[in-house]
Amino acid sequence: QVQLVESGGGLVQAGGSLRLSCAASGSIFRINVMAWYRQAPGKQRELVALVPRSGYVIYADSVKGRFTTSSDNDRNMMYLQMNNLKPEDTAVYYCAAGKQCLGPRTTRYDYWGQGAQVTVSS
């Protein structure tokens, strides 16, 4: 089993920044892909960033140039730095982990965090 815990959400004005953290614990060796997702009220959950164990990060077009993900493997942590936030970024943000990376549309995730609320005011 793998446990994921997000932190760092909050309320920020448009143009501001926030950093989300995802702490992973448990059978980390099983994980070959992680991701950040978000779900806004009344909308489907959408991929923000796909982070394979090897290879390059894939970002959603809507966040390219504004969001950056990074990892601290020694601490089993993943981060999402969000800059120049917009009201449309308001959502619950989740980190997810899976055993096999099959690309942004077909990867299935076995583990999910509880989510962190990000609210951007205009």
N, C-alpha and C. Protein backbone atom coordinates (compact mmCIF):
# COMPACT_ATOMS: atom_id res chain seq x y z
N GLN A 1 0.83 -1.19 0.00
CA GLN A 1 0.00 0.00 0.00
C GLN A 1 0.87 1.25 0.00
N VAL A 2 0.33 2.29 -0.59
CA VAL A 2 0.99 3.59 -0.64
C VAL A 2 0.01 4.63 -0.11
N GLN A 3 0.51 5.48 0.75
CA GLN A 3 -0.31 6.56 1.28
C GLN A 3 0.21 7.90 0.73
N LEU A 4 -0.72 8.75 0.34
CA LEU A 4 -0.38 10.06 -0.20
C LEU A 4 -1.12 11.12 0.60
N VAL A 5 -0.40 12.16 1.02
CA VAL A 5 -1.03 13.23 1.79
C VAL A 5 -0.61 14.57 1.20
N GLU A 6 -1.60 15.33 0.74
CA GLU A 6 -1.32 16.65 0.19
C GLU A 6 -1.39 17.71 1.28
N SER A 7 -0.66 18.78 1.07
CA SER A 7 -0.74 19.93 1.96
C SER A 7 -0.34 21.17 1.19
N GLY A 8 -0.65 22.34 1.75
CA GLY A 8 -0.22 23.58 1.15
C GLY A 8 -1.29 24.36 0.42
N GLY A 9 -2.50 23.85 0.38
CA GLY A 9 -3.55 24.60 -0.29
C GLY A 9 -3.94 25.84 0.50
N GLY A 10 -4.82 26.64 -0.09
CA GLY A 10 -5.27 27.83 0.61
C GLY A 10 -5.93 28.81 -0.33
N LEU A 11 -6.10 30.02 0.18
CA LEU A 11 -6.73 31.10 -0.58
C LEU A 11 -5.66 32.10 -0.99
N VAL A 12 -5.68 32.49 -2.25
CA VAL A 12 -4.70 33.43 -2.76
C VAL A 12 -5.36 34.33 -3.79
N GLN A 13 -4.85 35.52 -3.93
CA GLN A 13 -5.38 36.43 -4.94
C GLN A 13 -4.81 36.08 -6.31
N ALA A 14 -5.54 36.44 -7.33
CA ALA A 14 -5.07 36.22 -8.70
C ALA A 14 -3.70 36.87 -8.88
N GLY A 15 -2.83 36.13 -9.55
CA GLY A 15 -1.46 36.58 -9.73
C GLY A 15 -0.51 36.08 -8.67
N GLY A 16 -1.05 35.53 -7.60
CA GLY A 16 -0.23 35.03 -6.51
C GLY A 16 0.31 33.63 -6.76
N SER A 17 0.96 33.10 -5.74
CA SER A 17 1.60 31.79 -5.84
C SER A 17 1.26 30.92 -4.64
N LEU A 18 1.27 29.63 -4.88
CA LEU A 18 1.13 28.64 -3.82
C LEU A 18 2.01 27.45 -4.18
N ARG A 19 2.43 26.71 -3.15
CA ARG A 19 3.14 25.47 -3.39
C ARG A 19 2.43 24.35 -2.65
N LEU A 20 2.05 23.33 -3.42
CA LEU A 20 1.45 22.14 -2.85
C LEU A 20 2.54 21.09 -2.62
N SER A 21 2.35 20.32 -1.57
CA SER A 21 3.25 19.21 -1.27
C SER A 21 2.47 17.91 -1.25
N CYS A 22 3.12 16.86 -1.65
CA CYS A 22 2.53 15.51 -1.59
C CYS A 22 3.56 14.61 -0.91
N ALA A 23 3.20 14.10 0.25
CA ALA A 23 4.07 13.20 0.99
C ALA A 23 3.65 11.77 0.73
N ALA A 24 4.57 10.95 0.27
CA ALA A 24 4.29 9.55 -0.03
C ALA A 24 4.93 8.65 1.01
N SER A 25 4.23 7.61 1.38
CA SER A 25 4.78 6.63 2.32
C SER A 25 4.24 5.26 1.97
N GLY A 26 4.90 4.24 2.50
CA GLY A 26 4.49 2.86 2.23
C GLY A 26 5.38 2.23 1.19
N SER A 27 4.79 1.43 0.32
CA SER A 27 5.54 0.65 -0.68
C SER A 27 5.87 1.50 -1.89
N ILE A 28 6.74 2.47 -1.68
CA ILE A 28 7.07 3.43 -2.73
C ILE A 28 7.73 2.74 -3.92
N PHE A 29 8.43 1.64 -3.68
CA PHE A 29 9.17 0.98 -4.75
C PHE A 29 8.24 0.49 -5.85
N ARG A 30 6.96 0.36 -5.56
CA ARG A 30 6.01 -0.08 -6.56
C ARG A 30 5.63 1.03 -7.54
N ILE A 31 5.94 2.24 -7.19
CA ILE A 31 5.44 3.40 -7.95
C ILE A 31 6.39 3.77 -9.09
N ASN A 32 5.85 3.88 -10.29
CA ASN A 32 6.64 4.31 -11.44
C ASN A 32 6.11 5.58 -12.10
N VAL A 33 4.99 6.06 -11.61
CA VAL A 33 4.45 7.30 -12.14
C VAL A 33 3.64 8.00 -11.06
N MET A 34 3.77 9.32 -11.01
CA MET A 34 2.93 10.13 -10.13
C MET A 34 2.33 11.24 -10.97
N ALA A 35 1.34 11.88 -10.39
CA ALA A 35 0.67 12.93 -11.14
C ALA A 35 -0.02 13.90 -10.19
N TRP A 36 -0.29 15.07 -10.72
CA TRP A 36 -1.15 16.04 -10.06
C TRP A 36 -2.43 16.16 -10.90
N TYR A 37 -3.54 16.08 -10.24
CA TYR A 37 -4.84 16.28 -10.86
C TYR A 37 -5.57 17.40 -10.11
N ARG A 38 -6.60 17.92 -10.74
CA ARG A 38 -7.46 18.87 -10.04
C ARG A 38 -8.91 18.69 -10.49
N GLN A 39 -9.80 19.07 -9.61
CA GLN A 39 -11.22 18.99 -9.93
C GLN A 39 -11.91 20.25 -9.41
N ALA A 40 -12.44 21.00 -10.33
CA ALA A 40 -13.20 22.21 -10.00
C ALA A 40 -14.66 21.85 -9.79
N PRO A 41 -15.39 22.67 -9.06
CA PRO A 41 -16.81 22.38 -8.81
C PRO A 41 -17.58 22.23 -10.11
N GLY A 42 -18.32 21.15 -10.23
CA GLY A 42 -19.13 20.91 -11.41
C GLY A 42 -18.38 20.47 -12.64
N LYS A 43 -17.09 20.21 -12.49
CA LYS A 43 -16.28 19.81 -13.64
C LYS A 43 -15.63 18.46 -13.38
N GLN A 44 -15.20 17.84 -14.48
CA GLN A 44 -14.49 16.58 -14.35
C GLN A 44 -13.07 16.81 -13.86
N ARG A 45 -12.55 15.80 -13.23
CA ARG A 45 -11.17 15.86 -12.79
C ARG A 45 -10.26 15.92 -14.01
N GLU A 46 -9.23 16.75 -13.94
CA GLU A 46 -8.34 16.90 -15.08
C GLU A 46 -6.88 16.78 -14.65
N LEU A 47 -6.08 16.28 -15.56
CA LEU A 47 -4.65 16.13 -15.32
C LEU A 47 -3.98 17.49 -15.34
N VAL A 48 -3.15 17.74 -14.35
CA VAL A 48 -2.34 18.96 -14.29
C VAL A 48 -0.91 18.65 -14.74
N ALA A 49 -0.33 17.59 -14.20
CA ALA A 49 1.05 17.22 -14.55
C ALA A 49 1.23 15.73 -14.36
N LEU A 50 1.86 15.10 -15.34
CA LEU A 50 2.20 13.69 -15.28
C LEU A 50 3.69 13.59 -15.02
N VAL A 51 4.07 12.84 -13.98
CA VAL A 51 5.47 12.78 -13.56
C VAL A 51 5.94 11.33 -13.58
N PRO A 52 6.49 10.87 -14.69
CA PRO A 52 6.98 9.50 -14.72
C PRO A 52 8.28 9.37 -13.93
N ARG A 53 8.59 8.16 -13.45
CA ARG A 53 9.83 7.93 -12.72
C ARG A 53 11.02 8.26 -13.61
N SER A 54 10.95 7.88 -14.87
CA SER A 54 11.98 8.26 -15.84
C SER A 54 11.28 8.89 -17.02
N GLY A 55 11.90 9.90 -17.56
CA GLY A 55 11.27 10.62 -18.66
C GLY A 55 10.94 12.04 -18.25
N TYR A 56 10.23 12.73 -19.11
CA TYR A 56 9.97 14.13 -18.85
C TYR A 56 8.54 14.34 -18.36
N VAL A 57 8.36 15.43 -17.67
CA VAL A 57 7.06 15.78 -17.12
C VAL A 57 6.17 16.33 -18.23
N ILE A 58 4.91 15.95 -18.20
CA ILE A 58 3.92 16.47 -19.15
C ILE A 58 2.96 17.35 -18.39
N TYR A 59 2.81 18.58 -18.83
CA TYR A 59 1.91 19.54 -18.20
C TYR A 59 0.67 19.77 -19.06
N ALA A 60 -0.43 20.05 -18.41
CA ALA A 60 -1.62 20.48 -19.15
C ALA A 60 -1.33 21.83 -19.79
N ASP A 61 -1.89 22.05 -20.96
CA ASP A 61 -1.67 23.32 -21.66
C ASP A 61 -2.06 24.52 -20.80
N SER A 62 -3.10 24.34 -20.00
CA SER A 62 -3.62 25.45 -19.20
C SER A 62 -2.67 25.92 -18.11
N VAL A 63 -1.66 25.09 -17.77
CA VAL A 63 -0.76 25.47 -16.67
C VAL A 63 0.68 25.61 -17.13
N LYS A 64 0.97 25.31 -18.39
CA LYS A 64 2.34 25.41 -18.89
C LYS A 64 2.88 26.82 -18.70
N GLY A 65 4.11 26.89 -18.22
CA GLY A 65 4.73 28.18 -17.99
C GLY A 65 4.38 28.81 -16.65
N ARG A 66 3.39 28.25 -15.95
CA ARG A 66 2.99 28.80 -14.65
C ARG A 66 3.21 27.81 -13.52
N PHE A 67 3.00 26.53 -13.78
CA PHE A 67 3.15 25.50 -12.76
C PHE A 67 4.41 24.68 -13.03
N THR A 68 5.07 24.28 -11.96
CA THR A 68 6.25 23.44 -12.07
C THR A 68 6.21 22.38 -10.98
N THR A 69 6.43 21.15 -11.35
CA THR A 69 6.48 20.08 -10.36
C THR A 69 7.93 19.68 -10.12
N SER A 70 8.22 19.26 -8.91
CA SER A 70 9.56 18.79 -8.55
C SER A 70 9.41 17.69 -7.51
N SER A 71 10.50 16.98 -7.31
CA SER A 71 10.47 15.86 -6.36
C SER A 71 11.71 15.86 -5.49
N ASP A 72 11.54 15.40 -4.28
CA ASP A 72 12.65 15.15 -3.35
C ASP A 72 12.58 13.67 -3.01
N ASN A 73 13.34 12.87 -3.75
CA ASN A 73 13.23 11.43 -3.59
C ASN A 73 13.71 10.95 -2.22
N ASP A 74 14.67 11.68 -1.64
CA ASP A 74 15.17 11.28 -0.32
C ASP A 74 14.07 11.38 0.73
N ARG A 75 13.15 12.32 0.54
CA ARG A 75 12.07 12.54 1.50
C ARG A 75 10.74 12.00 1.01
N ASN A 76 10.75 11.36 -0.17
CA ASN A 76 9.50 10.86 -0.75
C ASN A 76 8.45 11.96 -0.85
N MET A 77 8.87 13.10 -1.37
CA MET A 77 7.99 14.25 -1.49
C MET A 77 7.90 14.68 -2.95
N MET A 78 6.73 15.17 -3.32
CA MET A 78 6.53 15.78 -4.62
C MET A 78 5.88 17.13 -4.39
N TYR A 79 6.25 18.10 -5.20
CA TYR A 79 5.76 19.46 -5.02
C TYR A 79 5.14 19.98 -6.31
N LEU A 80 4.22 20.90 -6.15
CA LEU A 80 3.65 21.60 -7.30
C LEU A 80 3.73 23.09 -6.99
N GLN A 81 4.64 23.76 -7.65
CA GLN A 81 4.77 25.21 -7.50
C GLN A 81 3.83 25.88 -8.51
N MET A 82 2.91 26.68 -8.00
CA MET A 82 1.92 27.31 -8.86
C MET A 82 2.10 28.82 -8.80
N ASN A 83 2.46 29.39 -9.91
CA ASN A 83 2.68 30.84 -10.01
C ASN A 83 1.64 31.48 -10.92
N ASN A 84 1.51 32.79 -10.79
CA ASN A 84 0.56 33.54 -11.61
C ASN A 84 -0.82 32.86 -11.62
N LEU A 85 -1.30 32.56 -10.45
CA LEU A 85 -2.57 31.83 -10.34
C LEU A 85 -3.74 32.66 -10.87
N LYS A 86 -4.70 31.95 -11.44
CA LYS A 86 -5.89 32.57 -12.02
C LYS A 86 -7.13 32.01 -11.32
N PRO A 87 -8.22 32.75 -11.34
CA PRO A 87 -9.44 32.22 -10.71
C PRO A 87 -9.85 30.86 -11.26
N GLU A 88 -9.57 30.61 -12.53
CA GLU A 88 -9.94 29.31 -13.10
C GLU A 88 -9.07 28.17 -12.61
N ASP A 89 -8.04 28.47 -11.84
CA ASP A 89 -7.23 27.42 -11.21
C ASP A 89 -7.87 26.92 -9.91
N THR A 90 -8.93 27.57 -9.48
CA THR A 90 -9.62 27.15 -8.27
C THR A 90 -10.13 25.73 -8.41
N ALA A 91 -9.72 24.87 -7.49
CA ALA A 91 -10.09 23.45 -7.56
C ALA A 91 -9.53 22.73 -6.34
N VAL A 92 -9.95 21.49 -6.19
CA VAL A 92 -9.28 20.59 -5.26
C VAL A 92 -8.19 19.88 -6.03
N TYR A 93 -6.99 19.94 -5.50
CA TYR A 93 -5.83 19.35 -6.16
C TYR A 93 -5.46 18.04 -5.47
N TYR A 94 -5.21 17.03 -6.29
CA TYR A 94 -4.88 15.70 -5.80
C TYR A 94 -3.53 15.25 -6.35
N CYS A 95 -2.80 14.54 -5.54
CA CYS A 95 -1.67 13.81 -6.09
C CYS A 95 -2.08 12.34 -6.21
N ALA A 96 -1.50 11.69 -7.18
CA ALA A 96 -1.84 10.31 -7.48
C ALA A 96 -0.58 9.54 -7.79
N ALA A 97 -0.62 8.23 -7.59
CA ALA A 97 0.54 7.38 -7.85
C ALA A 97 0.08 6.10 -8.52
N GLY A 98 0.89 5.63 -9.46
CA GLY A 98 0.56 4.41 -10.17
C GLY A 98 1.79 3.55 -10.41
N LYS A 99 1.55 2.34 -10.86
CA LYS A 99 2.63 1.37 -11.04
C LYS A 99 3.19 1.37 -12.44
N GLN A 100 2.42 1.90 -13.39
CA GLN A 100 2.88 1.86 -14.77
C GLN A 100 2.45 3.14 -15.49
N CYS A 101 3.41 3.76 -16.16
CA CYS A 101 3.11 4.97 -16.91
C CYS A 101 2.75 4.61 -18.34
N LEU A 102 1.53 4.95 -18.74
CA LEU A 102 1.07 4.65 -20.09
C LEU A 102 0.69 5.92 -20.84
N GLY A 103 1.21 7.05 -20.35
CA GLY A 103 0.91 8.30 -21.01
C GLY A 103 -0.19 9.06 -20.31
N PRO A 104 -0.43 10.31 -20.71
CA PRO A 104 -1.37 11.18 -19.98
C PRO A 104 -2.82 10.74 -20.05
N ARG A 105 -3.20 9.98 -21.08
CA ARG A 105 -4.62 9.64 -21.22
C ARG A 105 -4.95 8.25 -20.71
N THR A 106 -3.99 7.37 -20.64
CA THR A 106 -4.31 5.97 -20.33
C THR A 106 -3.68 5.45 -19.06
N THR A 107 -2.86 6.23 -18.40
CA THR A 107 -2.29 5.77 -17.13
C THR A 107 -3.40 5.63 -16.09
N ARG A 108 -3.36 4.53 -15.36
CA ARG A 108 -4.31 4.30 -14.27
C ARG A 108 -3.57 4.43 -12.95
N TYR A 109 -4.19 5.10 -12.01
CA TYR A 109 -3.55 5.36 -10.73
C TYR A 109 -4.16 4.49 -9.64
N ASP A 110 -3.29 3.90 -8.87
CA ASP A 110 -3.74 2.99 -7.82
C ASP A 110 -3.97 3.70 -6.49
N TYR A 111 -3.34 4.84 -6.32
CA TYR A 111 -3.41 5.54 -5.03
C TYR A 111 -3.66 7.02 -5.24
N TRP A 112 -4.48 7.58 -4.36
CA TRP A 112 -4.84 8.99 -4.42
C TRP A 112 -4.74 9.60 -3.03
N GLY A 113 -4.36 10.87 -3.01
CA GLY A 113 -4.41 11.61 -1.76
C GLY A 113 -5.81 12.12 -1.49
N GLN A 114 -5.97 12.79 -0.37
CA GLN A 114 -7.28 13.26 0.05
C GLN A 114 -7.66 14.58 -0.61
N GLY A 115 -6.70 15.26 -1.20
CA GLY A 115 -6.95 16.51 -1.89
C GLY A 115 -6.65 17.73 -1.05
N ALA A 116 -6.30 18.81 -1.73
CA ALA A 116 -6.02 20.09 -1.08
C ALA A 116 -6.77 21.17 -1.85
N GLN A 117 -7.52 21.98 -1.13
CA GLN A 117 -8.32 23.03 -1.77
C GLN A 117 -7.43 24.22 -2.12
N VAL A 118 -7.52 24.66 -3.36
CA VAL A 118 -6.87 25.90 -3.80
C VAL A 118 -7.96 26.83 -4.31
N THR A 119 -8.01 28.00 -3.74
CA THR A 119 -9.01 28.99 -4.14
C THR A 119 -8.29 30.27 -4.55
N VAL A 120 -8.58 30.72 -5.76
CA VAL A 120 -7.95 31.93 -6.29
C VAL A 120 -9.03 32.99 -6.47
N SER A 121 -8.88 34.08 -5.77
CA SER A 121 -9.88 35.16 -5.86
C SER A 121 -9.45 36.17 -6.91
N SER A 122 -10.46 36.77 -7.54
CA SER A 122 -10.16 37.74 -8.60
C SER A 122 -10.01 39.14 -8.05
